[in-house]
């Protein structure tokens, strides 16, 4: 709070997962709280003192039912990436927007085990890399474009059949 009692604006610290299957498709979730179709990659808040990898594992389990043993973290974004929420979506929990550390992860589990939480998300699908940007809310697209660039090498490797540089379990 400012001295005059006016609340300060902030960006919530969070983590995000670009979770990719063996075919190089990206996991996206459909939001429950938006009337039109709004799809996004899994993401969520970072708790005070929480390690980034733990937050990633917790958020994936809470939002999708995906357990830590069902994915492998391959890379992390070098920068924290931010997006500003439209005013209608701002609240005390998320503030003005989010600043996120993103992780590129390989999905190792059974897709049938993915269960959106039913609160924040109601469905999931695997989207082609060139298509998932079209599914995202406009305010998220610049972050997603940056991730496609930052993780381009990993995305190419994932799209190849059994790349020798990735240990397939």
Protein backbone atom coordinates (compact mmCIF):
# COMPACT_ATOMS: atom_id res chain seq x y z
CA UNK A 1 0.00 0.00 0.00
CA UNK A 2 1.10 3.51 -0.69
CA UNK A 3 1.15 6.01 2.17
CA UNK A 4 -2.14 7.53 0.97
CA UNK A 5 -3.92 4.16 1.30
CA UNK A 6 -4.02 3.62 -2.46
CA UNK A 7 -3.06 -0.01 -3.28
CA UNK A 8 0.12 -0.45 -5.29
CA UNK A 9 0.08 -2.42 -8.49
CA UNK A 10 2.17 -5.56 -8.77
CA UNK A 11 2.85 -8.53 -11.01
CA UNK A 12 2.41 -11.96 -9.46
CA UNK A 13 5.46 -14.25 -9.61
CA UNK A 14 4.63 -17.59 -11.19
CA UNK A 15 5.92 -20.55 -13.17
CA UNK A 16 4.72 -21.98 -16.46
CA UNK A 17 5.17 -25.23 -18.37
CA UNK A 18 5.50 -25.72 -22.09
CA UNK A 19 4.74 -29.42 -21.86
CA UNK A 20 5.38 -31.21 -25.14
CA UNK A 21 4.48 -34.75 -26.19
CA UNK A 22 6.62 -37.10 -28.32
CA UNK A 23 5.03 -35.67 -31.50
CA UNK A 24 6.11 -32.13 -30.56
CA UNK A 25 2.59 -30.94 -29.70
CA UNK A 26 2.02 -28.50 -26.83
CA UNK A 27 -0.41 -29.14 -23.95
CA UNK A 28 -3.04 -26.41 -23.65
CA UNK A 29 -5.89 -26.13 -21.16
CA UNK A 30 -9.28 -24.51 -21.65
CA UNK A 31 -10.17 -21.96 -18.98
CA UNK A 32 -13.39 -22.47 -17.05
CA UNK A 33 -13.92 -18.82 -16.14
CA UNK A 34 -14.06 -17.30 -19.63
CA UNK A 35 -17.20 -17.39 -21.80
CA UNK A 36 -15.37 -17.67 -25.13
CA UNK A 37 -12.84 -20.42 -25.70
CA UNK A 38 -9.60 -19.44 -24.00
CA UNK A 39 -6.70 -21.88 -24.01
CA UNK A 40 -3.38 -21.57 -22.23
CA UNK A 41 -0.39 -23.57 -21.12
CA UNK A 42 -0.28 -24.65 -17.47
CA UNK A 43 0.98 -21.94 -15.12
CA UNK A 44 0.54 -20.85 -11.55
CA UNK A 45 1.71 -18.78 -8.64
CA UNK A 46 5.00 -19.10 -6.87
CA UNK A 47 4.66 -19.30 -3.10
CA UNK A 48 6.98 -17.33 -0.84
CA UNK A 49 10.24 -19.29 -0.43
CA UNK A 50 9.18 -22.04 -2.85
CA UNK A 51 11.76 -23.52 -5.22
CA UNK A 52 10.89 -23.07 -8.89
CA UNK A 53 10.96 -26.79 -9.75
CA UNK A 54 8.70 -27.58 -6.79
CA UNK A 55 6.24 -24.88 -7.89
CA UNK A 56 6.23 -26.35 -11.41
CA UNK A 57 5.52 -29.86 -10.11
CA UNK A 58 2.82 -28.60 -7.72
CA UNK A 59 1.05 -26.51 -10.36
CA UNK A 60 1.05 -29.30 -12.94
CA UNK A 61 -0.41 -31.71 -10.40
CA UNK A 62 -3.03 -29.23 -9.12
CA UNK A 63 -4.20 -28.10 -12.57
CA UNK A 64 -3.87 -31.30 -14.61
CA UNK A 65 -3.22 -34.28 -12.34
CA UNK A 66 0.19 -34.74 -14.01
CA UNK A 67 2.67 -36.07 -11.45
CA UNK A 68 6.38 -35.22 -11.34
CA UNK A 69 7.30 -38.68 -12.66
CA UNK A 70 5.16 -38.06 -15.77
CA UNK A 71 7.35 -35.29 -17.17
CA UNK A 72 10.97 -34.32 -17.48
CA UNK A 73 12.20 -30.73 -17.31
CA UNK A 74 14.61 -30.11 -20.18
CA UNK A 75 15.19 -26.35 -20.13
CA UNK A 76 14.17 -23.10 -18.45
CA UNK A 77 13.65 -19.67 -19.95
CA UNK A 78 16.66 -17.46 -19.42
CA UNK A 79 14.48 -14.47 -18.55
CA UNK A 80 11.41 -13.95 -16.43
CA UNK A 81 8.62 -13.12 -18.90
CA UNK A 82 5.72 -10.81 -18.05
CA UNK A 83 2.28 -10.12 -19.39
CA UNK A 84 -0.27 -7.54 -18.34
CA UNK A 85 -3.85 -8.64 -17.80
CA UNK A 86 -6.77 -6.71 -19.24
CA UNK A 87 -8.30 -4.63 -16.45
CA UNK A 88 -11.38 -6.88 -16.21
CA UNK A 89 -9.19 -9.86 -15.20
CA UNK A 90 -7.13 -8.09 -12.54
CA UNK A 91 -7.70 -8.94 -8.89
CA UNK A 92 -5.86 -9.12 -5.58
CA UNK A 93 -4.50 -12.59 -6.36
CA UNK A 94 -2.84 -11.79 -9.70
CA UNK A 95 -2.52 -8.03 -9.54
CA UNK A 96 -1.78 -6.24 -12.79
CA UNK A 97 -0.43 -9.40 -14.43
CA UNK A 98 2.16 -12.09 -14.03
CA UNK A 99 5.91 -12.41 -14.33
CA UNK A 100 6.89 -15.98 -15.04
CA UNK A 101 9.76 -18.40 -15.23
CA UNK A 102 8.92 -20.90 -17.97
CA UNK A 103 10.08 -24.50 -18.30
CA UNK A 104 10.27 -26.70 -21.37
CA UNK A 105 9.16 -30.18 -20.36
CA UNK A 106 8.79 -33.53 -22.08
CA UNK A 107 5.58 -35.40 -21.24
CA UNK A 108 6.30 -39.04 -20.34
CA UNK A 109 2.92 -40.15 -18.99
CA UNK A 110 -0.32 -41.53 -20.33
CA UNK A 111 -2.48 -38.76 -21.84
CA UNK A 112 -5.56 -40.51 -20.42
CA UNK A 113 -4.29 -39.64 -16.92
CA UNK A 114 -4.51 -35.89 -17.62
CA UNK A 115 -7.45 -34.51 -15.65
CA UNK A 116 -8.11 -30.75 -15.73
CA UNK A 117 -9.02 -29.55 -12.23
CA UNK A 118 -12.59 -28.56 -13.18
CA UNK A 119 -12.20 -25.26 -11.32
CA UNK A 120 -9.69 -23.30 -13.36
CA UNK A 121 -9.68 -25.60 -16.40
CA UNK A 122 -12.34 -27.78 -17.98
CA UNK A 123 -10.56 -29.45 -20.91
CA UNK A 124 -7.17 -30.08 -22.45
CA UNK A 125 -5.76 -30.86 -25.85
CA UNK A 126 -2.45 -31.27 -27.59
CA UNK A 127 -1.99 -28.42 -30.06
CA UNK A 128 0.36 -28.25 -33.00
CA UNK A 129 3.10 -25.67 -32.43
CA UNK A 130 1.89 -23.47 -35.28
CA UNK A 131 -1.72 -23.63 -33.98
CA UNK A 132 -1.42 -23.06 -30.24
CA UNK A 133 -0.72 -19.33 -30.63
CA UNK A 134 -4.12 -18.95 -32.33
CA UNK A 135 -5.79 -20.59 -29.32
CA UNK A 136 -4.20 -18.25 -26.76
CA UNK A 137 -5.71 -15.07 -25.37
CA UNK A 138 -4.16 -12.02 -27.10
CA UNK A 139 -2.48 -10.77 -23.91
CA UNK A 140 -0.54 -14.07 -23.59
CA UNK A 141 0.64 -14.31 -27.20
CA UNK A 142 3.83 -12.24 -26.91
CA UNK A 143 5.05 -14.50 -24.08
CA UNK A 144 4.16 -17.62 -26.08
CA UNK A 145 5.92 -16.27 -29.17
CA UNK A 146 9.02 -15.65 -27.09
CA UNK A 147 8.85 -19.21 -25.74
CA UNK A 148 8.60 -20.64 -29.25
CA UNK A 149 11.78 -18.73 -30.07
CA UNK A 150 13.62 -19.53 -26.81
CA UNK A 151 12.75 -23.23 -26.97
CA UNK A 152 13.01 -23.62 -30.78
CA UNK A 153 15.89 -26.11 -30.63
CA UNK A 154 14.14 -28.27 -28.04
CA UNK A 155 10.90 -28.17 -30.03
CA UNK A 156 12.70 -29.33 -33.17
CA UNK A 157 14.35 -32.18 -31.26
CA UNK A 158 11.04 -33.26 -29.76
CA UNK A 159 9.40 -33.32 -33.18
CA UNK A 160 12.05 -35.69 -34.54
CA UNK A 161 11.70 -39.43 -34.05
CA UNK A 162 13.77 -40.63 -31.08
CA UNK A 163 16.37 -37.88 -31.11
CA UNK A 164 19.65 -39.28 -29.77
CA UNK A 165 20.24 -36.25 -27.51
CA UNK A 166 17.06 -36.90 -25.50
CA UNK A 167 16.83 -39.85 -23.16
CA UNK A 168 13.44 -41.42 -23.90
CA UNK A 169 12.07 -43.49 -21.04
